[in-house]
C-alpha atoms as a PDB file:
ATOM      1  CA  MET A   1       3.401  54.548 -32.835  1.00  0.00           C
ATOM      2  CA  SER A   2       3.117  51.303 -34.536  1.00  0.00           C
ATOM      3  CA  LEU A   3       1.613  48.599 -32.474  1.00  0.00           C
ATOM      4  CA  GLU A   4       1.197  44.746 -32.080  1.00  0.00           C
ATOM      5  CA  ILE A   5      -1.936  43.611 -33.567  1.00  0.00           C
ATOM      6  CA  THR A   6      -3.905  40.743 -32.431  1.00  0.00           C
ATOM      7  CA  ILE A   7      -6.442  38.584 -34.703  1.00  0.00           C
ATOM      8  CA  ASN A   8      -8.575  36.200 -32.528  1.00  0.00           C
ATOM      9  CA  THR A   9     -12.174  36.234 -33.203  1.00  0.00           C
ATOM     10  CA  ARG A  10     -12.845  32.921 -34.752  1.00  0.00           C
ATOM     11  CA  GLY A  11     -12.908  32.751 -38.736  1.00  0.00           C
ATOM     12  CA  ALA A  12     -11.560  35.924 -39.093  1.00  0.00           C
ATOM     13  CA  TYR A  13      -9.828  36.539 -42.618  1.00  0.00           C
ATOM     14  CA  LEU A  14      -7.017  39.061 -42.638  1.00  0.00           C
ATOM     15  CA  HIS A  15      -6.613  40.449 -46.602  1.00  0.00           C
ATOM     16  CA  VAL A  16      -5.662  42.950 -48.410  1.00  0.00           C
ATOM     17  CA  LYS A  17      -7.854  45.804 -50.051  1.00  0.00           C
ATOM     18  CA  ASP A  18      -6.436  49.597 -51.286  1.00  0.00           C
ATOM     19  CA  ALA A  19      -2.942  48.494 -50.146  1.00  0.00           C
ATOM     20  CA  MET A  20      -4.259  48.581 -46.550  1.00  0.00           C
ATOM     21  CA  PHE A  21      -4.919  45.620 -44.648  1.00  0.00           C
ATOM     22  CA  GLU A  22      -8.705  44.347 -44.033  1.00  0.00           C
ATOM     23  CA  VAL A  23     -10.250  42.388 -41.645  1.00  0.00           C
ATOM     24  CA  ARG A  24     -13.413  40.197 -42.121  1.00  0.00           C
ATOM     25  CA  PHE A  25     -15.204  38.781 -39.103  1.00  0.00           C
ATOM     26  CA  LYS A  26     -18.791  38.172 -37.748  1.00  0.00           C
ATOM     27  CA  ASN A  27     -20.104  40.365 -34.807  1.00  0.00           C
ATOM     28  CA  GLU A  28     -20.704  37.907 -32.033  1.00  0.00           C
ATOM     29  CA  THR A  29     -23.782  39.634 -31.463  1.00  0.00           C
ATOM     30  CA  THR A  30     -25.637  40.455 -34.421  1.00  0.00           C
ATOM     31  CA  GLN A  31     -23.668  37.512 -36.228  1.00  0.00           C
ATOM     32  CA  LEU A  32     -23.065  40.234 -38.830  1.00  0.00           C
ATOM     33  CA  GLU A  33     -19.983  40.569 -41.190  1.00  0.00           C
ATOM     34  CA  GLU A  34     -18.098  43.779 -40.523  1.00  0.00           C
ATOM     35  CA  LYS A  35     -15.255  44.533 -41.817  1.00  0.00           C
ATOM     36  CA  LYS A  36     -12.018  46.603 -40.933  1.00  0.00           C
ATOM     37  CA  GLN A  37      -9.158  48.518 -42.288  1.00  0.00           C
ATOM     38  CA  ILE A  38      -5.585  49.143 -40.662  1.00  0.00           C
ATOM     39  CA  PRO A  39      -3.129  50.651 -42.616  1.00  0.00           C
ATOM     40  CA  PRO A  40       0.400  48.966 -42.576  1.00  0.00           C
ATOM     41  CA  LEU A  41       2.628  51.885 -41.411  1.00  0.00           C
ATOM     42  CA  LYS A  42       0.520  51.389 -37.770  1.00  0.00           C
ATOM     43  CA  ILE A  43       1.116  47.970 -37.384  1.00  0.00           C
ATOM     44  CA  ARG A  44       4.634  46.349 -36.262  1.00  0.00           C
ATOM     45  CA  THR A  45       3.234  42.719 -35.502  1.00  0.00           C
ATOM     46  CA  LEU A  46       0.462  41.059 -37.103  1.00  0.00           C
ATOM     47  CA  VAL A  47      -0.426  38.330 -34.086  1.00  0.00           C
ATOM     48  CA  LEU A  48      -3.394  35.509 -35.645  1.00  0.00           C
ATOM     49  CA  ALA A  49      -4.754  33.337 -33.301  1.00  0.00           C
ATOM     50  CA  PRO A  50      -6.132  29.545 -34.087  1.00  0.00           C
ATOM     51  CA  GLY A  51      -9.156  29.389 -36.419  1.00  0.00           C
ATOM     52  CA  THR A  52      -8.331  32.854 -37.886  1.00  0.00           C
ATOM     53  CA  ALA A  53      -6.963  32.890 -41.291  1.00  0.00           C
ATOM     54  CA  LEU A  54      -5.118  35.372 -44.395  1.00  0.00           C
ATOM     55  CA  SER A  55      -4.082  35.403 -47.665  1.00  0.00           C
ATOM     56  CA  THR A  56      -0.841  35.760 -49.454  1.00  0.00           C
ATOM     57  CA  ASP A  57      -1.412  39.133 -50.411  1.00  0.00           C
ATOM     58  CA  ALA A  58      -1.459  40.322 -46.845  1.00  0.00           C
ATOM     59  CA  VAL A  59       1.659  38.311 -46.121  1.00  0.00           C
ATOM     60  CA  GLN A  60       3.229  39.894 -48.867  1.00  0.00           C
ATOM     61  CA  LEU A  61       2.432  43.338 -48.109  1.00  0.00           C
ATOM     62  CA  ALA A  62       3.538  42.915 -44.406  1.00  0.00           C
ATOM     63  CA  LEU A  63       6.846  41.733 -45.346  1.00  0.00           C
ATOM     64  CA  LYS A  64       7.171  44.876 -47.783  1.00  0.00           C
ATOM     65  CA  ASN A  65       6.648  46.486 -44.430  1.00  0.00           C
ATOM     66  CA  HIS A  66       8.834  44.790 -42.229  1.00  0.00           C
ATOM     67  CA  ILE A  67       6.027  43.841 -40.112  1.00  0.00           C
ATOM     68  CA  ASP A  68       6.725  40.035 -39.005  1.00  0.00           C
ATOM     69  CA  ILE A  69       3.304  37.213 -38.580  1.00  0.00           C
ATOM     70  CA  VAL A  70       3.158  35.402 -35.366  1.00  0.00           C
ATOM     71  CA  PHE A  71       0.932  32.177 -34.892  1.00  0.00           C
ATOM     72  CA  ILE A  72       0.492  31.656 -31.555  1.00  0.00           C
ATOM     73  CA  GLU A  73      -1.818  28.943 -29.309  1.00  0.00           C
ATOM     74  CA  ASN A  74      -4.647  29.483 -27.350  1.00  0.00           C
ATOM     75  CA  ASN A  75      -2.461  30.160 -24.185  1.00  0.00           C
ATOM     76  CA  GLY A  76      -0.606  33.043 -26.325  1.00  0.00           C
ATOM     77  CA  HIS A  77       2.522  31.355 -27.027  1.00  0.00           C
ATOM     78  CA  PRO A  78       3.880  31.431 -30.346  1.00  0.00           C
ATOM     79  CA  MET A  79       4.102  28.709 -32.347  1.00  0.00           C
ATOM     80  CA  GLY A  80       6.058  30.268 -35.229  1.00  0.00           C
ATOM     81  CA  ARG A  81       6.917  33.276 -36.945  1.00  0.00           C
ATOM     82  CA  VAL A  82       7.133  34.421 -41.096  1.00  0.00           C
ATOM     83  CA  TRP A  83      10.571  37.327 -41.277  1.00  0.00           C
ATOM     84  CA  HIS A  84      11.180  39.531 -43.885  1.00  0.00           C
ATOM     85  CA  THR A  85      14.486  37.649 -45.441  1.00  0.00           C
ATOM     86  CA  GLN A  86      16.508  40.751 -45.189  1.00  0.00           C
ATOM     87  CA  LEU A  87      16.372  40.317 -41.346  1.00  0.00           C
ATOM     88  CA  GLY A  88      19.874  39.436 -40.897  1.00  0.00           C
ATOM     89  CA  SER A  89      22.781  40.152 -38.675  1.00  0.00           C
ATOM     90  CA  THR A  90      26.336  39.888 -38.581  1.00  0.00           C
ATOM     91  CA  SER A  91      27.677  36.405 -37.784  1.00  0.00           C
ATOM     92  CA  LYS A  92      30.050  37.882 -35.303  1.00  0.00           C
ATOM     93  CA  ILE A  93      27.473  37.802 -32.618  1.00  0.00           C
ATOM     94  CA  ALA A  94      26.062  34.783 -33.104  1.00  0.00           C
ATOM     95  CA  LYS A  95      30.304  33.419 -33.458  1.00  0.00           C
ATOM     96  CA  GLN A  96      30.558  35.463 -30.062  1.00  0.00           C
ATOM     97  CA  GLN A  97      27.046  34.279 -28.564  1.00  0.00           C
ATOM     98  CA  LEU A  98      28.115  30.895 -29.226  1.00  0.00           C
ATOM     99  CA  GLY A  99      31.808  30.888 -27.879  1.00  0.00           C
ATOM    100  CA  HIS A 100      30.374  32.602 -24.240  1.00  0.00           C
ATOM    101  CA  ALA A 101      27.931  29.879 -23.783  1.00  0.00           C
ATOM    102  CA  LEU A 102      30.826  27.517 -23.141  1.00  0.00           C
ATOM    103  CA  ASP A 103      32.905  29.714 -20.713  1.00  0.00           C
ATOM    104  CA  ALA A 104      32.825  31.062 -17.495  1.00  0.00           C
ATOM    105  CA  ARG A 105      31.313  34.568 -19.015  1.00  0.00           C
ATOM    106  CA  ALA A 106      27.760  33.140 -19.639  1.00  0.00           C
ATOM    107  CA  ILE A 107      27.979  32.719 -15.966  1.00  0.00           C
ATOM    108  CA  ASP A 108      28.228  36.145 -15.093  1.00  0.00           C
ATOM    109  CA  TRP A 109      25.172  37.454 -17.894  1.00  0.00           C
ATOM    110  CA  VAL A 110      23.088  34.718 -16.208  1.00  0.00           C
ATOM    111  CA  LYS A 111      23.974  35.517 -12.535  1.00  0.00           C
ATOM    112  CA  LYS A 112      22.755  39.098 -13.559  1.00  0.00           C
ATOM    113  CA  TRP A 113      19.992  38.264 -15.077  1.00  0.00           C
ATOM    114  CA  ILE A 114      18.359  36.431 -12.332  1.00  0.00           C
ATOM    115  CA  ASP A 115      19.487  38.367  -9.613  1.00  0.00           C
ATOM    116  CA  THR A 116      17.787  41.467 -11.456  1.00  0.00           C
ATOM    117  CA  LYS A 117      14.638  39.169 -12.033  1.00  0.00           C
ATOM    118  CA  LEU A 118      14.795  38.778  -8.085  1.00  0.00           C
ATOM    119  CA  SER A 119      15.554  42.003  -7.278  1.00  0.00           C
ATOM    120  CA  ASN A 120      12.179  43.014  -9.560  1.00  0.00           C
ATOM    121  CA  GLN A 121      10.492  40.208  -7.311  1.00  0.00           C
ATOM    122  CA  ARG A 122      11.618  41.440  -4.221  1.00  0.00           C
ATOM    123  CA  ASN A 123      10.965  45.195  -4.768  1.00  0.00           C
ATOM    124  CA  PHE A 124       7.080  44.218  -5.555  1.00  0.00           C
ATOM    125  CA  ILE A 125       6.595  42.288  -2.406  1.00  0.00           C
ATOM    126  CA  GLN A 126       8.332  45.666  -0.659  1.00  0.00           C
ATOM    127  CA  ASP A 127       5.329  48.047  -2.622  1.00  0.00           C
ATOM    128  CA  LEU A 128       2.744  45.341  -1.743  1.00  0.00           C
ATOM    129  CA  LYS A 129       3.677  45.462   1.783  1.00  0.00           C
ATOM    130  CA  LYS A 130       3.062  49.283   2.216  1.00  0.00           C
ATOM    131  CA  ASN A 131      -0.843  48.633   2.719  1.00  0.00           C
ATOM    132  CA  ARG A 132      -1.319  45.919   4.726  1.00  0.00           C
ATOM    133  CA  SER A 133       0.292  46.758   7.965  1.00  0.00           C
ATOM    134  CA  GLU A 134      -1.607  43.552   9.338  1.00  0.00           C
ATOM    135  CA  GLN A 135       1.139  41.234   6.933  1.00  0.00           C
ATOM    136  CA  GLN A 136       3.772  43.244   8.116  1.00  0.00           C
ATOM    137  CA  ASP A 137       5.943  40.035   9.623  1.00  0.00           C
ATOM    138  CA  PHE A 138       4.608  37.515   6.630  1.00  0.00           C
ATOM    139  CA  PHE A 139       6.444  39.810   3.928  1.00  0.00           C
ATOM    140  CA  ASN A 140       9.471  40.680   5.722  1.00  0.00           C
ATOM    141  CA  THR A 141       9.973  36.874   6.257  1.00  0.00           C
ATOM    142  CA  LYS A 142      10.021  36.606   2.514  1.00  0.00           C
ATOM    143  CA  ILE A 143      11.545  39.896   1.557  1.00  0.00           C
ATOM    144  CA  THR A 144      14.385  38.445   3.731  1.00  0.00           C
ATOM    145  CA  GLN A 145      14.212  35.085   2.510  1.00  0.00           C
ATOM    146  CA  ILE A 146      14.597  36.115  -1.271  1.00  0.00           C
ATOM    147  CA  GLU A 147      17.621  38.385  -0.184  1.00  0.00           C
ATOM    148  CA  SER A 148      19.402  35.451   1.105  1.00  0.00           C
ATOM    149  CA  LEU A 149      19.318  34.064  -1.906  1.00  0.00           C
ATOM    150  CA  MET A 150      20.619  36.523  -4.173  1.00  0.00           C
ATOM    151  CA  ILE A 151      23.204  36.321  -1.598  1.00  0.00           C
ATOM    152  CA  LEU A 152      23.912  32.486  -2.255  1.00  0.00           C
ATOM    153  CA  ILE A 153      23.725  33.036  -6.354  1.00  0.00           C
ATOM    154  CA  ALA A 154      25.643  36.167  -6.117  1.00  0.00           C
ATOM    155  CA  GLY A 155      28.772  33.776  -4.916  1.00  0.00           C
ATOM    156  CA  LEU A 156      28.400  30.900  -7.059  1.00  0.00           C
ATOM    157  CA  LYS A 157      31.810  30.113  -8.839  1.00  0.00           C
ATOM    158  CA  GLY A 158      32.264  27.868 -11.672  1.00  0.00           C
ATOM    159  CA  GLU A 159      34.196  27.709 -15.515  1.00  0.00           C
ATOM    160  CA  LYS A 160      31.579  26.715 -16.863  1.00  0.00           C
ATOM    161  CA  MET A 161      27.345  27.363 -16.672  1.00  0.00           C
ATOM    162  CA  ARG A 162      27.181  23.488 -15.716  1.00  0.00           C
ATOM    163  CA  ASP A 163      29.203  23.683 -12.886  1.00  0.00           C
ATOM    164  CA  ILE A 164      26.333  25.825 -11.265  1.00  0.00           C
ATOM    165  CA  ALA A 165      23.261  25.710 -13.294  1.00  0.00           C
ATOM    166  CA  ASP A 166      21.311  22.791 -11.137  1.00  0.00           C
ATOM    167  CA  THR A 167      22.585  24.570  -7.774  1.00  0.00           C
ATOM    168  CA  LEU A 168      21.377  28.050  -9.624  1.00  0.00           C
ATOM    169  CA  ARG A 169      17.782  27.170 -10.761  1.00  0.00           C
ATOM    170  CA  GLY A 170      17.232  25.375  -6.980  1.00  0.00           C
ATOM    171  CA  TYR A 171      17.822  28.854  -5.460  1.00  0.00           C
ATOM    172  CA  GLU A 172      15.849  30.758  -8.384  1.00  0.00           C
ATOM    173  CA  GLY A 173      13.085  28.083  -7.899  1.00  0.00           C
ATOM    174  CA  THR A 174      13.066  28.358  -4.058  1.00  0.00           C
ATOM    175  CA  ALA A 175      12.436  32.187  -4.540  1.00  0.00           C
ATOM    176  CA  GLY A 176      10.190  31.556  -6.907  1.00  0.00           C
ATOM    177  CA  ARG A 177       7.826  29.425  -4.695  1.00  0.00           C
ATOM    178  CA  LEU A 178       8.297  32.763  -1.672  1.00  0.00           C
ATOM    179  CA  TYR A 179       7.333  35.281  -4.876  1.00  0.00           C
ATOM    180  CA  TRP A 180       4.197  33.871  -5.501  1.00  0.00           C
ATOM    181  CA  GLU A 181       3.295  33.074  -1.792  1.00  0.00           C
ATOM    182  CA  SER A 182       3.492  36.528  -1.249  1.00  0.00           C
ATOM    183  CA  LEU A 183       1.543  37.392  -4.572  1.00  0.00           C
ATOM    184  CA  SER A 184      -1.297  35.000  -3.595  1.00  0.00           C
ATOM    185  CA  GLN A 185      -1.256  36.157  -0.189  1.00  0.00           C
ATOM    186  CA  CYS A 186      -2.674  40.027  -1.647  1.00  0.00           C
ATOM    187  CA  LEU A 187      -5.781  38.695  -3.822  1.00  0.00           C
ATOM    188  CA  SER A 188      -9.053  38.156  -2.537  1.00  0.00           C
ATOM    189  CA  LYS A 189      -9.963  34.359  -1.615  1.00  0.00           C
ATOM    190  CA  GLY A 190     -11.636  33.514  -4.594  1.00  0.00           C
ATOM    191  CA  TYR A 191      -8.316  34.099  -6.791  1.00  0.00           C
ATOM    192  CA  GLN A 192      -5.057  32.824  -4.496  1.00  0.00           C
ATOM    193  CA  PHE A 193      -3.456  30.105  -6.069  1.00  0.00           C
ATOM    194  CA  SER A 194      -0.923  27.486  -4.784  1.00  0.00           C
ATOM    195  CA  GLY A 195       2.029  28.090  -6.977  1.00  0.00           C
ATOM    196  CA  ARG A 196       2.985  28.355 -10.718  1.00  0.00           C
ATOM    197  CA  SER A 197       0.803  26.130 -12.859  1.00  0.00           C
ATOM    198  CA  MET A 198       0.955  25.901 -16.879  1.00  0.00           C
ATOM    199  CA  ARG A 199       0.013  24.282 -20.140  1.00  0.00           C
ATOM    200  CA  PRO A 200      -2.895  24.377 -18.503  1.00  0.00           C
ATOM    201  CA  ALA A 201      -3.128  26.895 -15.903  1.00  0.00           C
ATOM    202  CA  ALA A 202      -4.955  25.696 -12.768  1.00  0.00           C
ATOM    203  CA  ASP A 203      -6.170  28.988 -11.867  1.00  0.00           C
ATOM    204  CA  ALA A 204      -7.405  32.379 -13.131  1.00  0.00           C
ATOM    205  CA  PHE A 205      -4.307  34.253 -11.684  1.00  0.00           C
ATOM    206  CA  ASN A 206      -2.243  31.453 -13.335  1.00  0.00           C
ATOM    207  CA  ALA A 207      -3.751  31.644 -17.060  1.00  0.00           C
ATOM    208  CA  CYS A 208      -3.465  34.785 -17.102  1.00  0.00           C
ATOM    209  CA  LEU A 209      -0.349  35.023 -16.220  1.00  0.00           C
ATOM    210  CA  ASN A 210       0.469  32.151 -18.621  1.00  0.00           C
ATOM    211  CA  TYR A 211      -1.025  34.391 -21.936  1.00  0.00           C
ATOM    212  CA  GLY A 212       1.242  37.192 -20.331  1.00  0.00           C
ATOM    213  CA  TYR A 213       4.054  35.821 -20.574  1.00  0.00           C
ATOM    214  CA  GLY A 214       3.567  34.354 -23.761  1.00  0.00           C
ATOM    215  CA  VAL A 215       3.079  38.021 -24.956  1.00  0.00           C
ATOM    216  CA  LEU A 216       6.456  38.700 -23.642  1.00  0.00           C
ATOM    217  CA  TYR A 217       8.138  35.618 -24.741  1.00  0.00           C
ATOM    218  CA  ARG A 218       7.438  36.970 -28.495  1.00  0.00           C
ATOM    219  CA  ARG A 219       8.514  40.268 -27.936  1.00  0.00           C
ATOM    220  CA  VAL A 220      11.752  38.853 -26.811  1.00  0.00           C
ATOM    221  CA  GLU A 221      12.184  36.668 -29.650  1.00  0.00           C
ATOM    222  CA  LYS A 222      11.756  40.211 -31.674  1.00  0.00           C
ATOM    223  CA  ALA A 223      14.150  41.843 -29.858  1.00  0.00           C
ATOM    224  CA  LEU A 224      17.010  39.448 -30.210  1.00  0.00           C
ATOM    225  CA  VAL A 225      16.784  39.217 -33.586  1.00  0.00           C
ATOM    226  CA  ILE A 226      16.533  42.784 -34.373  1.00  0.00           C
ATOM    227  CA  ALA A 227      19.845  43.007 -32.395  1.00  0.00           C
ATOM    228  CA  GLY A 228      20.900  40.286 -34.613  1.00  0.00           C
ATOM    229  CA  LEU A 229      21.224  37.974 -31.580  1.00  0.00           C
ATOM    230  CA  GLN A 230      20.339  34.127 -32.090  1.00  0.00           C
ATOM    231  CA  PRO A 231      17.138  32.930 -29.762  1.00  0.00           C
ATOM    232  CA  TYR A 232      18.197  29.329 -30.041  1.00  0.00           C
ATOM    233  CA  ILE A 233      21.607  29.841 -28.372  1.00  0.00           C
ATOM    234  CA  GLY A 234      21.556  30.094 -24.818  1.00  0.00           C
ATOM    235  CA  PHE A 235      23.207  29.899 -21.486  1.00  0.00           C
ATOM    236  CA  PHE A 236      20.967  28.826 -18.943  1.00  0.00           C
ATOM    237  CA  HIS A 237      18.051  27.035 -20.265  1.00  0.00           C
ATOM    238  CA  ARG A 238      18.383  23.815 -21.936  1.00  0.00           C
ATOM    239  CA  ASP A 239      19.359  23.292 -25.599  1.00  0.00           C
ATOM    240  CA  ASP A 240      16.826  21.052 -26.559  1.00  0.00           C
ATOM    241  CA  TYR A 241      15.884  20.689 -30.154  1.00  0.00           C
ATOM    242  CA  ASN A 242      13.726  23.683 -31.259  1.00  0.00           C
ATOM    243  CA  HIS A 243      13.999  25.177 -27.888  1.00  0.00           C
ATOM    244  CA  LYS A 244      14.708  29.112 -28.053  1.00  0.00           C
ATOM    245  CA  SER A 245      16.708  28.771 -24.564  1.00  0.00           C
ATOM    246  CA  MET A 246      18.402  32.625 -25.249  1.00  0.00           C
ATOM    247  CA  VAL A 247      14.642  33.498 -25.436  1.00  0.00           C
ATOM    248  CA  TYR A 248      14.137  32.066 -21.802  1.00  0.00           C
ATOM    249  CA  ASP A 249      17.269  33.639 -20.731  1.00  0.00           C
ATOM    250  CA  PHE A 250      17.186  36.889 -21.504  1.00  0.00           C
ATOM    251  CA  ILE A 251      13.469  37.211 -20.518  1.00  0.00           C
ATOM    252  CA  GLU A 252      14.004  36.693 -16.485  1.00  0.00           C
ATOM    253  CA  PRO A 253      14.836  40.723 -16.100  1.00  0.00           C
ATOM    254  CA  TYR A 254      11.545  41.311 -18.041  1.00  0.00           C
ATOM    255  CA  ARG A 255       9.421  39.290 -16.450  1.00  0.00           C
ATOM    256  CA  ILE A 256       7.967  42.004 -13.754  1.00  0.00           C
ATOM    257  CA  TRP A 257       6.660  43.506 -16.690  1.00  0.00           C
ATOM    258  CA  ILE A 258       3.864  40.832 -17.054  1.00  0.00           C
ATOM    259  CA  ASP A 259       3.581  39.895 -12.958  1.00  0.00           C
ATOM    260  CA  VAL A 260       2.891  43.654 -12.343  1.00  0.00           C
ATOM    261  CA  PRO A 261       0.378  44.555 -14.960  1.00  0.00           C
ATOM    262  CA  ILE A 262      -1.180  41.297 -14.405  1.00  0.00           C
ATOM    263  CA  PHE A 263      -1.440  41.616 -10.864  1.00  0.00           C
ATOM    264  CA  ARG A 264      -3.689  44.891 -10.913  1.00  0.00           C
ATOM    265  CA  LEU A 265      -6.145  43.675 -12.835  1.00  0.00           C
ATOM    266  CA  PHE A 266      -7.043  41.219 -10.180  1.00  0.00           C
ATOM    267  CA  SER A 267      -6.316  43.377  -7.453  1.00  0.00           C
ATOM    268  CA  TYR A 268      -8.530  46.187  -9.232  1.00  0.00           C
ATOM    269  CA  LYS A 269     -11.345  43.506  -9.739  1.00  0.00           C
ATOM    270  CA  LYS A 270     -10.785  43.948 -13.638  1.00  0.00           C
ATOM    271  CA  ILE A 271     -10.926  40.285 -13.799  1.00  0.00           C
ATOM    272  CA  ASN A 272     -14.196  38.113 -13.865  1.00  0.00           C
ATOM    273  CA  SER A 273     -15.949  35.178 -14.568  1.00  0.00           C
ATOM    274  CA  THR A 274     -16.561  36.351 -18.139  1.00  0.00           C
ATOM    275  CA  HIS A 275     -12.703  36.347 -18.487  1.00  0.00           C
ATOM    276  CA  THR A 276     -11.729  32.693 -17.491  1.00  0.00           C
ATOM    277  CA  GLU A 277     -13.482  29.300 -18.905  1.00  0.00           C
ATOM    278  CA  SER A 278     -12.710  25.653 -17.553  1.00  0.00           C
ATOM    279  CA  ILE A 279     -10.557  23.634 -20.170  1.00  0.00           C
ATOM    280  CA  PRO A 280      -9.758  19.880 -19.520  1.00  0.00           C
ATOM    281  CA  ASN A 281      -7.504  19.936 -16.556  1.00  0.00           C
ATOM    282  CA  GLY A 282      -7.677  23.393 -15.920  1.00  0.00           C
ATOM    283  CA  ILE A 283      -8.585  27.324 -16.591  1.00  0.00           C
ATOM    284  CA  GLY A 284      -8.063  28.615 -19.717  1.00  0.00           C
ATOM    285  CA  LEU A 285      -9.395  32.245 -21.117  1.00  0.00           C
ATOM    286  CA  THR A 286     -12.104  33.329 -22.963  1.00  0.00           C
ATOM    287  CA  LYS A 287     -11.760  35.677 -26.228  1.00  0.00           C
ATOM    288  CA  ALA A 288     -12.804  38.770 -23.695  1.00  0.00           C
ATOM    289  CA  GLY A 289     -10.019  37.757 -21.178  1.00  0.00           C
ATOM    290  CA  LYS A 290      -7.737  37.776 -23.700  1.00  0.00           C
ATOM    291  CA  GLU A 291      -8.589  41.037 -25.336  1.00  0.00           C
ATOM    292  CA  LEU A 292      -8.283  42.358 -21.712  1.00  0.00           C
ATOM    293  CA  ILE A 293      -4.851  41.056 -20.727  1.00  0.00           C
ATOM    294  CA  LEU A 294      -3.631  42.684 -24.317  1.00  0.00           C
ATOM    295  CA  GLN A 295      -5.297  46.001 -23.864  1.00  0.00           C
ATOM    296  CA  GLN A 296      -3.353  45.838 -20.687  1.00  0.00           C
ATOM    297  CA  LEU A 297      -0.148  44.945 -21.685  1.00  0.00           C
ATOM    298  CA  THR A 298      -0.536  47.313 -24.880  1.00  0.00           C
ATOM    299  CA  ASP A 299      -0.724  50.121 -22.565  1.00  0.00           C
ATOM    300  CA  TYR A 300       1.894  48.732 -20.169  1.00  0.00           C
ATOM    301  CA  PHE A 301       4.407  48.034 -22.818  1.00  0.00           C
ATOM    302  CA  ASP A 302       3.726  50.896 -25.679  1.00  0.00           C
ATOM    303  CA  VAL A 303       1.726  53.946 -24.153  1.00  0.00           C
ATOM    304  CA  GLU A 304       3.099  54.339 -20.434  1.00  0.00           C
ATOM    305  CA  ALA A 305       6.496  55.766 -20.512  1.00  0.00           C
ATOM    306  CA  ILE A 306       9.202  55.573 -17.373  1.00  0.00           C
ATOM    307  CA  LYS A 307      12.538  57.003 -16.759  1.00  0.00           C
ATOM    308  CA  TYR A 308      15.564  55.059 -18.580  1.00  0.00           C
ATOM    309  CA  GLN A 309      19.121  56.095 -18.674  1.00  0.00           C
ATOM    310  CA  GLY A 310      17.794  59.583 -18.348  1.00  0.00           C
ATOM    311  CA  LYS A 311      14.946  59.653 -20.733  1.00  0.00           C
ATOM    312  CA  ASN A 312      11.259  59.039 -20.871  1.00  0.00           C
ATOM    313  CA  GLN A 313      10.963  55.583 -22.885  1.00  0.00           C
ATOM    314  CA  HIS A 314       8.392  52.999 -23.487  1.00  0.00           C
ATOM    315  CA  ARG A 315       9.149  49.420 -22.126  1.00  0.00           C
ATOM    316  CA  GLY A 316       8.719  47.697 -25.234  1.00  0.00           C
ATOM    317  CA  HIS A 317      11.697  50.334 -26.755  1.00  0.00           C
ATOM    318  CA  ILE A 318      13.821  49.799 -23.891  1.00  0.00           C
ATOM    319  CA  LEU A 319      13.780  45.772 -24.488  1.00  0.00           C
ATOM    320  CA  GLN A 320      15.103  46.587 -27.926  1.00  0.00           C
ATOM    321  CA  LEU A 321      17.647  48.738 -26.693  1.00  0.00           C
ATOM    322  CA  ASP A 322      18.672  46.391 -24.328  1.00  0.00           C
ATOM    323  CA  ALA A 323      19.188  43.472 -26.761  1.00  0.00           C
ATOM    324  CA  HIS A 324      21.223  45.719 -28.405  1.00  0.00           C
ATOM    325  CA  ASP A 325      23.390  45.755 -25.804  1.00  0.00           C
ATOM    326  CA  PHE A 326      23.746  42.440 -25.061  1.00  0.00           C
ATOM    327  CA  ALA A 327      24.657  41.948 -28.506  1.00  0.00           C
ATOM    328  CA  ASN A 328      27.452  44.915 -28.667  1.00  0.00           C
ATOM    329  CA  GLN A 329      28.766  43.781 -25.109  1.00  0.00           C
ATOM    330  CA  LEU A 330      29.387  39.674 -27.140  1.00  0.00           C
ATOM    331  CA  LEU A 331      31.210  41.840 -30.006  1.00  0.00           C
ATOM    332  CA  ASN A 332      33.258  43.941 -27.761  1.00  0.00           C
ATOM    333  CA  GLN A 333      34.317  40.820 -26.051  1.00  0.00           C
ATOM    334  CA  LYS A 334      37.731  39.164 -26.060  1.00  0.00           C
ATOM    335  CA  LYS A 335      38.516  35.809 -26.395  1.00  0.00           C
END
């Protein structure tokens, strides 16, 4: 099984020795230099955090083995990516993707993705309420309100995405507020939060969630590109310069795959004061916090299997299957 390897020890250096990747880094406890070798065949993606470095030989070895290299910010969000030049796609997919971004078919896909997102949120709340008998009315109200919003979204009609975009954003935002209120209610008092906060996070839960979403963003982008899709041609999210709007569109049904494992860390009391730190205007993660989340998400995506299309599949593989399925849907659409 190939994995996503993250190098986040400040001062770490990635190079090549004996046809393998070697990471040189200083042990934070002993202050002595250590080395770790990793065979290329065990790596799917190399992720480098700020303060790390790599050699051109490492880049070449990665490209020869079709390993993409991702450079991330401190909050886990991708800044840039190095791909192999042979990673390409048929232009037919891009043409169809662009064409449907401007017609009513985009509405069908976006409504489906948002409906799945809200269904996941509702189902998670339903799971959470099972062991909280004293709060049944609170959770039932949230569930009913989210289901009402799902009905409203299903009834939206238009010729182009812009005809319903603002209304859809309003419904989606309201559902999100109800959802996050429910999750906060289930956390211990010291970790409850007041809604979503980003760049920077206002609390520990959002700091972990933001880092987790950064991991998901880079996974979704890779799945789209491998499937021949264009990350920058979206249907719903804004098309600003250098904005990967399709990544933000396609990610919606899979956000629950971050919400659940992050919530588990807090619910099982795995998160403590050593995992977060104060940063200007907010809360960030320490190196230990980032490593804890990465391990949790690696297990959730690449080790734990779930039933999908009649087979036991890893979530990382399911994401790629769904990207290919969407690309095939685009190719099979008649204008």
